[in-house]
C-alpha atoms as a PDB file:
ATOM      1  CA  MET A   1     -59.245  14.617  -4.422  1.00  0.00           C
ATOM      2  CA  LYS A   2     -55.788  15.829  -5.544  1.00  0.00           C
ATOM      3  CA  LEU A   3     -54.631  15.959  -1.944  1.00  0.00           C
ATOM      4  CA  ASN A   4     -56.040  12.726  -0.907  1.00  0.00           C
ATOM      5  CA  THR A   5     -54.174  11.094  -4.104  1.00  0.00           C
ATOM      6  CA  LEU A   6     -50.797  12.781  -3.029  1.00  0.00           C
ATOM      7  CA  TRP A   7     -51.327  11.623   0.515  1.00  0.00           C
ATOM      8  CA  TRP A   8     -51.846   7.850  -0.656  1.00  0.00           C
ATOM      9  CA  ILE A   9     -48.670   8.245  -2.871  1.00  0.00           C
ATOM     10  CA  TYR A  10     -46.266   9.521  -0.384  1.00  0.00           C
ATOM     11  CA  TYR A  11     -47.445   7.765   2.875  1.00  0.00           C
ATOM     12  CA  VAL A  12     -48.757   4.378   1.595  1.00  0.00           C
ATOM     13  CA  ILE A  13     -47.345   3.491  -1.924  1.00  0.00           C
ATOM     14  CA  ILE A  14     -43.893   4.737  -1.479  1.00  0.00           C
ATOM     15  CA  PRO A  15     -43.075   3.232   1.773  1.00  0.00           C
ATOM     16  CA  ILE A  16     -44.539  -0.031   0.715  1.00  0.00           C
ATOM     17  CA  ALA A  17     -42.495  -0.102  -2.529  1.00  0.00           C
ATOM     18  CA  ALA A  18     -39.420   0.770  -0.485  1.00  0.00           C
ATOM     19  CA  ALA A  19     -39.900  -1.976   1.966  1.00  0.00           C
ATOM     20  CA  GLN A  20     -40.385  -4.592  -0.846  1.00  0.00           C
ATOM     21  CA  GLN A  21     -36.782  -3.560  -2.331  1.00  0.00           C
ATOM     22  CA  PRO A  22     -34.344  -6.481  -1.656  1.00  0.00           C
ATOM     23  CA  ARG A  23     -31.938  -5.704   1.001  1.00  0.00           C
ATOM     24  CA  GLY A  24     -28.384  -5.587  -0.394  1.00  0.00           C
ATOM     25  CA  GLU A  25     -25.041  -5.425   1.156  1.00  0.00           C
ATOM     26  CA  PHE A  26     -25.556  -1.657   1.592  1.00  0.00           C
ATOM     27  CA  CYS A  27     -28.306  -2.191   3.891  1.00  0.00           C
ATOM     28  CA  ARG A  28     -26.145  -4.031   6.557  1.00  0.00           C
ATOM     29  CA  ARG A  29     -25.338  -1.880   9.581  1.00  0.00           C
ATOM     30  CA  PRO A  30     -21.649  -1.176   9.685  1.00  0.00           C
ATOM     31  CA  GLN A  31     -19.308  -1.658  12.448  1.00  0.00           C
ATOM     32  CA  ASN A  32     -19.166   1.446  14.690  1.00  0.00           C
ATOM     33  CA  LEU A  33     -16.099   3.774  13.609  1.00  0.00           C
ATOM     34  CA  ALA A  34     -14.657   3.845  17.017  1.00  0.00           C
ATOM     35  CA  VAL A  35     -14.849   0.197  17.434  1.00  0.00           C
ATOM     36  CA  ALA A  36     -13.316  -0.321  14.107  1.00  0.00           C
ATOM     37  CA  ARG A  37     -10.291   1.787  14.901  1.00  0.00           C
ATOM     38  CA  ASP A  38      -9.845   0.125  18.393  1.00  0.00           C
ATOM     39  CA  ASN A  39      -9.913  -3.187  16.447  1.00  0.00           C
ATOM     40  CA  VAL A  40      -7.247  -2.046  13.957  1.00  0.00           C
ATOM     41  CA  ALA A  41      -5.012  -0.739  16.800  1.00  0.00           C
ATOM     42  CA  HIS A  42      -5.250  -3.946  18.527  1.00  0.00           C
ATOM     43  CA  TYR A  43      -4.221  -6.043  15.681  1.00  0.00           C
ATOM     44  CA  TYR A  44      -1.309  -3.901  14.855  1.00  0.00           C
ATOM     45  CA  GLU A  45      -0.146  -3.441  18.560  1.00  0.00           C
ATOM     46  CA  SER A  46      -0.786  -7.133  19.742  1.00  0.00           C
ATOM     47  CA  GLN A  47       1.978  -8.439  17.186  1.00  0.00           C
ATOM     48  CA  CYS A  48      -0.567 -10.022  15.049  1.00  0.00           C
ATOM     49  CA  TYR A  49       0.316  -7.658  12.173  1.00  0.00           C
ATOM     50  CA  HIS A  50       4.015  -8.485  12.498  1.00  0.00           C
ATOM     51  CA  LYS A  51       3.231 -12.175  12.564  1.00  0.00           C
ATOM     52  CA  GLU A  52       1.271 -11.830   9.243  1.00  0.00           C
ATOM     53  CA  VAL A  53       4.027 -10.121   7.614  1.00  0.00           C
ATOM     54  CA  ALA A  54       6.648 -12.431   8.803  1.00  0.00           C
ATOM     55  CA  GLN A  55       4.840 -15.356   7.368  1.00  0.00           C
ATOM     56  CA  LEU A  56       4.720 -13.624   3.998  1.00  0.00           C
ATOM     57  CA  MET A  57       8.387 -12.780   4.206  1.00  0.00           C
ATOM     58  CA  ASN A  58       9.552 -16.328   5.328  1.00  0.00           C
ATOM     59  CA  LYS A  59       7.594 -17.810   2.374  1.00  0.00           C
ATOM     60  CA  ALA A  60       9.195 -15.398  -0.097  1.00  0.00           C
ATOM     61  CA  MET A  61      12.759 -16.070   1.307  1.00  0.00           C
ATOM     62  CA  ALA A  62      12.236 -19.821   0.931  1.00  0.00           C
ATOM     63  CA  HIS A  63      11.107 -19.217  -2.825  1.00  0.00           C
ATOM     64  CA  PHE A  64      14.134 -17.121  -3.693  1.00  0.00           C
ATOM     65  CA  SER A  65      16.655 -18.932  -1.687  1.00  0.00           C
ATOM     66  CA  LYS A  66      19.166 -19.425  -4.394  1.00  0.00           C
ATOM     67  CA  GLN A  67      22.151 -17.090  -4.977  1.00  0.00           C
ATOM     68  CA  VAL A  68      21.712 -15.278  -8.359  1.00  0.00           C
ATOM     69  CA  ASP A  69      23.966 -13.564 -10.716  1.00  0.00           C
ATOM     70  CA  PRO A  70      23.763  -9.727 -10.152  1.00  0.00           C
ATOM     71  CA  GLU A  71      24.672  -9.297 -13.944  1.00  0.00           C
ATOM     72  CA  LYS A  72      21.248 -10.607 -14.832  1.00  0.00           C
ATOM     73  CA  LYS A  73      19.384  -7.664 -13.186  1.00  0.00           C
ATOM     74  CA  LEU A  74      16.851  -9.892 -11.505  1.00  0.00           C
ATOM     75  CA  THR A  75      14.827  -7.320  -9.810  1.00  0.00           C
ATOM     76  CA  PHE A  76      12.345  -6.636  -6.916  1.00  0.00           C
ATOM     77  CA  ILE A  77       9.907  -3.651  -6.907  1.00  0.00           C
ATOM     78  CA  PHE A  78       9.214  -2.340  -3.535  1.00  0.00           C
ATOM     79  CA  ASP A  79       6.638   0.138  -2.396  1.00  0.00           C
ATOM     80  CA  ILE A  80       7.733   2.329   0.567  1.00  0.00           C
ATOM     81  CA  ASP A  81       4.784   3.543   2.810  1.00  0.00           C
ATOM     82  CA  GLU A  82       3.440   0.526   4.944  1.00  0.00           C
ATOM     83  CA  THR A  83       5.650  -1.597   2.869  1.00  0.00           C
ATOM     84  CA  ILE A  84       9.179  -1.106   4.197  1.00  0.00           C
ATOM     85  CA  LEU A  85       8.439   2.075   6.339  1.00  0.00           C
ATOM     86  CA  SER A  86       5.614   2.217   8.720  1.00  0.00           C
ATOM     87  CA  GLU A  87       3.625   5.361   9.410  1.00  0.00           C
ATOM     88  CA  TYR A  88       1.476   3.382  11.778  1.00  0.00           C
ATOM     89  CA  TRP A  89       1.919   5.618  14.994  1.00  0.00           C
ATOM     90  CA  PHE A  90       1.556   8.874  12.948  1.00  0.00           C
ATOM     91  CA  LEU A  91      -1.745   7.397  11.500  1.00  0.00           C
ATOM     92  CA  LYS A  92      -3.151   6.292  14.861  1.00  0.00           C
ATOM     93  CA  HIS A  93      -2.146   9.982  16.387  1.00  0.00           C
ATOM     94  CA  ILE A  94      -4.700  11.356  13.745  1.00  0.00           C
ATOM     95  CA  GLN A  95      -7.432   8.782  14.415  1.00  0.00           C
ATOM     96  CA  PHE A  96      -6.313   6.828  11.068  1.00  0.00           C
ATOM     97  CA  GLY A  97      -7.342   9.591   8.996  1.00  0.00           C
ATOM     98  CA  TYR A  98      -5.521  11.411   6.036  1.00  0.00           C
ATOM     99  CA  VAL A  99      -4.450  14.886   6.109  1.00  0.00           C
ATOM    100  CA  PRO A 100      -2.144  15.632   3.184  1.00  0.00           C
ATOM    101  CA  GLU A 101      -0.360  18.567   4.801  1.00  0.00           C
ATOM    102  CA  LEU A 102       0.381  16.570   7.954  1.00  0.00           C
ATOM    103  CA  ASP A 103       1.613  13.638   5.791  1.00  0.00           C
ATOM    104  CA  HIS A 104       3.899  15.682   4.023  1.00  0.00           C
ATOM    105  CA  GLU A 105       5.308  16.985   7.038  1.00  0.00           C
ATOM    106  CA  TRP A 106       6.004  13.700   8.701  1.00  0.00           C
ATOM    107  CA  ILE A 107       7.495  12.426   5.452  1.00  0.00           C
ATOM    108  CA  MET A 108       9.892  15.561   5.217  1.00  0.00           C
ATOM    109  CA  LYS A 109      11.173  14.857   8.796  1.00  0.00           C
ATOM    110  CA  GLY A 110      12.647  11.685   7.391  1.00  0.00           C
ATOM    111  CA  GLU A 111      12.319   9.616  10.622  1.00  0.00           C
ATOM    112  CA  ILE A 112       9.729   6.888   9.650  1.00  0.00           C
ATOM    113  CA  PRO A 113      10.695   3.634  11.170  1.00  0.00           C
ATOM    114  CA  ALA A 114      11.320   0.511   9.058  1.00  0.00           C
ATOM    115  CA  ILE A 115       9.165  -2.600   9.313  1.00  0.00           C
ATOM    116  CA  PRO A 116      11.654  -5.162  10.572  1.00  0.00           C
ATOM    117  CA  GLU A 117      10.355  -8.292   8.868  1.00  0.00           C
ATOM    118  CA  VAL A 118      10.458  -6.484   5.644  1.00  0.00           C
ATOM    119  CA  LYS A 119      13.827  -5.012   6.225  1.00  0.00           C
ATOM    120  CA  LYS A 120      15.102  -8.575   6.839  1.00  0.00           C
ATOM    121  CA  PHE A 121      13.585  -9.711   3.649  1.00  0.00           C
ATOM    122  CA  TYR A 122      15.153  -6.690   1.792  1.00  0.00           C
ATOM    123  CA  ASP A 123      18.617  -7.428   3.162  1.00  0.00           C
ATOM    124  CA  PHE A 124      18.258 -11.201   2.062  1.00  0.00           C
ATOM    125  CA  LEU A 125      17.563 -10.014  -1.458  1.00  0.00           C
ATOM    126  CA  ILE A 126      20.468  -7.727  -1.537  1.00  0.00           C
ATOM    127  CA  GLN A 127      22.712 -10.413  -0.134  1.00  0.00           C
ATOM    128  CA  HIS A 128      21.454 -13.001  -2.749  1.00  0.00           C
ATOM    129  CA  GLY A 129      22.280 -10.678  -5.709  1.00  0.00           C
ATOM    130  CA  TYR A 130      18.946  -9.448  -6.580  1.00  0.00           C
ATOM    131  CA  HIS A 131      18.532  -5.729  -7.667  1.00  0.00           C
ATOM    132  CA  VAL A 132      15.779  -3.549  -5.934  1.00  0.00           C
ATOM    133  CA  ILE A 133      14.034  -0.518  -6.893  1.00  0.00           C
ATOM    134  CA  PHE A 134      11.840   1.569  -4.754  1.00  0.00           C
ATOM    135  CA  LEU A 135       8.782   2.644  -6.659  1.00  0.00           C
ATOM    136  CA  THR A 136       6.475   5.008  -4.520  1.00  0.00           C
ATOM    137  CA  GLY A 137       3.570   7.439  -4.796  1.00  0.00           C
ATOM    138  CA  ARG A 138       5.626   9.960  -2.992  1.00  0.00           C
ATOM    139  CA  ARG A 139       6.236  13.041  -4.960  1.00  0.00           C
ATOM    140  CA  LYS A 140       9.360  14.694  -6.490  1.00  0.00           C
ATOM    141  CA  ASP A 141       9.699  17.258  -3.789  1.00  0.00           C
ATOM    142  CA  GLU A 142       9.726  14.366  -1.091  1.00  0.00           C
ATOM    143  CA  TYR A 143      12.709  12.489  -2.820  1.00  0.00           C
ATOM    144  CA  ASP A 144      15.426  13.851  -0.739  1.00  0.00           C
ATOM    145  CA  ALA A 145      13.695  13.328   2.580  1.00  0.00           C
ATOM    146  CA  THR A 146      12.687   9.783   1.324  1.00  0.00           C
ATOM    147  CA  LEU A 147      16.259   8.821   0.502  1.00  0.00           C
ATOM    148  CA  LYS A 148      17.440  10.133   3.897  1.00  0.00           C
ATOM    149  CA  ASN A 149      14.807   8.156   5.802  1.00  0.00           C
ATOM    150  CA  LEU A 150      15.805   4.900   3.793  1.00  0.00           C
ATOM    151  CA  HIS A 151      19.656   5.342   4.638  1.00  0.00           C
ATOM    152  CA  ARG A 152      18.479   6.272   8.165  1.00  0.00           C
ATOM    153  CA  GLU A 153      17.022   2.898   8.529  1.00  0.00           C
ATOM    154  CA  GLY A 154      19.966   1.059   7.129  1.00  0.00           C
ATOM    155  CA  ILE A 155      18.203   0.489   3.666  1.00  0.00           C
ATOM    156  CA  THR A 156      21.154   0.957   1.285  1.00  0.00           C
ATOM    157  CA  GLY A 157      22.430  -0.899  -1.994  1.00  0.00           C
ATOM    158  CA  PHE A 158      19.342  -0.530  -4.037  1.00  0.00           C
ATOM    159  CA  ASP A 159      19.413   0.711  -7.547  1.00  0.00           C
ATOM    160  CA  LYS A 160      16.889   3.332  -7.785  1.00  0.00           C
ATOM    161  CA  LEU A 161      14.392   5.383  -5.886  1.00  0.00           C
ATOM    162  CA  ILE A 162      11.502   6.481  -8.145  1.00  0.00           C
ATOM    163  CA  VAL A 163       8.945   9.165  -7.076  1.00  0.00           C
ATOM    164  CA  ARG A 164       5.979  10.629  -9.008  1.00  0.00           C
ATOM    165  CA  SER A 165       7.037  13.286 -11.462  1.00  0.00           C
ATOM    166  CA  PRO A 166       4.614  15.964 -12.551  1.00  0.00           C
ATOM    167  CA  GLU A 167       3.615  14.002 -15.763  1.00  0.00           C
ATOM    168  CA  HIS A 168       2.337  11.098 -13.317  1.00  0.00           C
ATOM    169  CA  TYR A 169       0.332  13.342 -11.013  1.00  0.00           C
ATOM    170  CA  LYS A 170      -3.119  12.609 -12.788  1.00  0.00           C
ATOM    171  CA  LEU A 171      -2.511   9.079 -13.050  1.00  0.00           C
ATOM    172  CA  SER A 172      -4.157   6.305 -10.648  1.00  0.00           C
ATOM    173  CA  ALA A 173      -1.501   4.505  -8.452  1.00  0.00           C
ATOM    174  CA  ARG A 174      -2.006   1.433 -10.783  1.00  0.00           C
ATOM    175  CA  GLU A 175      -1.521   3.137 -14.026  1.00  0.00           C
ATOM    176  CA  TYR A 176       1.466   5.014 -12.544  1.00  0.00           C
ATOM    177  CA  LYS A 177       3.324   1.976 -11.370  1.00  0.00           C
ATOM    178  CA  GLU A 178       2.506  -0.005 -14.473  1.00  0.00           C
ATOM    179  CA  GLN A 179       4.141   2.720 -16.784  1.00  0.00           C
ATOM    180  CA  VAL A 180       7.133   2.733 -14.650  1.00  0.00           C
ATOM    181  CA  ARG A 181       7.670  -1.111 -14.442  1.00  0.00           C
ATOM    182  CA  HIS A 182       7.291  -1.241 -18.414  1.00  0.00           C
ATOM    183  CA  ARG A 183       9.923   1.453 -18.570  1.00  0.00           C
ATOM    184  CA  LEU A 184      12.243  -0.389 -16.344  1.00  0.00           C
ATOM    185  CA  GLU A 185      12.120  -3.655 -18.345  1.00  0.00           C
ATOM    186  CA  LEU A 186      12.798  -1.664 -21.551  1.00  0.00           C
ATOM    187  CA  ASP A 187      15.921  -0.408 -19.514  1.00  0.00           C
ATOM    188  CA  GLY A 188      17.054  -4.047 -19.040  1.00  0.00           C
ATOM    189  CA  TYR A 189      15.722  -4.878 -15.578  1.00  0.00           C
ATOM    190  CA  LYS A 190      13.878  -8.212 -15.331  1.00  0.00           C
ATOM    191  CA  ILE A 191      11.298  -7.924 -12.803  1.00  0.00           C
ATOM    192  CA  VAL A 192      10.828 -11.135 -10.785  1.00  0.00           C
ATOM    193  CA  GLY A 193       8.971  -9.863  -7.768  1.00  0.00           C
ATOM    194  CA  CYS A 194       6.945  -7.071  -6.429  1.00  0.00           C
ATOM    195  CA  VAL A 195       6.112  -6.144  -2.875  1.00  0.00           C
ATOM    196  CA  GLY A 196       3.397  -3.673  -1.673  1.00  0.00           C
ATOM    197  CA  ASP A 197       0.527  -3.080   0.843  1.00  0.00           C
ATOM    198  CA  GLN A 198      -1.890  -2.088  -1.847  1.00  0.00           C
ATOM    199  CA  GLN A 199      -3.474  -4.162  -4.729  1.00  0.00           C
ATOM    200  CA  SER A 200      -2.318  -1.394  -7.155  1.00  0.00           C
ATOM    201  CA  ASP A 201       1.232  -1.730  -6.115  1.00  0.00           C
ATOM    202  CA  CYS A 202       1.567  -5.066  -8.031  1.00  0.00           C
ATOM    203  CA  ALA A 203      -1.274  -5.102 -10.468  1.00  0.00           C
ATOM    204  CA  GLY A 204      -0.944  -5.597 -14.151  1.00  0.00           C
ATOM    205  CA  PRO A 205       2.108  -7.062 -16.113  1.00  0.00           C
ATOM    206  CA  ALA A 206       5.638  -7.049 -15.259  1.00  0.00           C
ATOM    207  CA  VAL A 207       5.042  -8.092 -11.665  1.00  0.00           C
ATOM    208  CA  GLY A 208       6.498 -11.528 -11.035  1.00  0.00           C
ATOM    209  CA  TYR A 209       6.143 -13.041  -7.603  1.00  0.00           C
ATOM    210  CA  ALA A 210       3.508 -10.361  -6.048  1.00  0.00           C
ATOM    211  CA  ILE A 211       3.780 -10.045  -2.142  1.00  0.00           C
ATOM    212  CA  LYS A 212       0.616  -8.136  -0.900  1.00  0.00           C
ATOM    213  CA  LEU A 213       1.322  -6.912   2.477  1.00  0.00           C
ATOM    214  CA  PRO A 214      -1.504  -6.308   4.936  1.00  0.00           C
ATOM    215  CA  ASN A 215      -2.767  -2.679   5.401  1.00  0.00           C
ATOM    216  CA  TYR A 216      -6.068  -2.314   7.414  1.00  0.00           C
ATOM    217  CA  VAL A 217      -5.970   1.405   7.607  1.00  0.00           C
ATOM    218  CA  TYR A 218      -6.334   2.599   3.908  1.00  0.00           C
ATOM    219  CA  ILE A 219      -6.785   1.672   0.226  1.00  0.00           C
ATOM    220  CA  ILE A 220      -5.182   3.252  -2.812  1.00  0.00           C
ATOM    221  CA  ASN A 221      -6.385   2.375  -6.107  1.00  0.00           C
END
């Protein structure tokens, strides 16, 4: 009798109950990973990505077309990776994965190319009297290589390059960047815009005109 009862529970009742559960989003079959990678590569390499970025930059330049007084310290905050420098070809080489040691090696080489459309917007801001501060999740030991890389790509004239210090290592990207922006405002910077490829780059207060660039490879919270 006991065995018959167990059989009934495991092979009849449980399957029926499972079948009656509502199907949520998690039940949908995902896209094959190989196909997804190919679609991402096609988007970036067919110039669709650059067209999307150009549209965002052109809209921002129209919005900030007036010359401003540099003494007012009207400031834009820029992220770096996949914002003004693109690691696309490196990421494709490792199948759009993430290997911290390899990423660090790539950063330390200081040879990551600039995204042309964003570089154009950056130059526009500098020429119009805006201050620019780079606020990145890169760490303290990557500061010199990052500075070298920016200069190599002709990105000069900015006020500061801020990287994660040890006291920031345990914070989420959003928490870290919110804290730094708050400190910058206390130092007299008036943040009027923020540019980043992640929602966490421009989330929270002290953001101004937020520009979310496309990133179809990864998400950082």
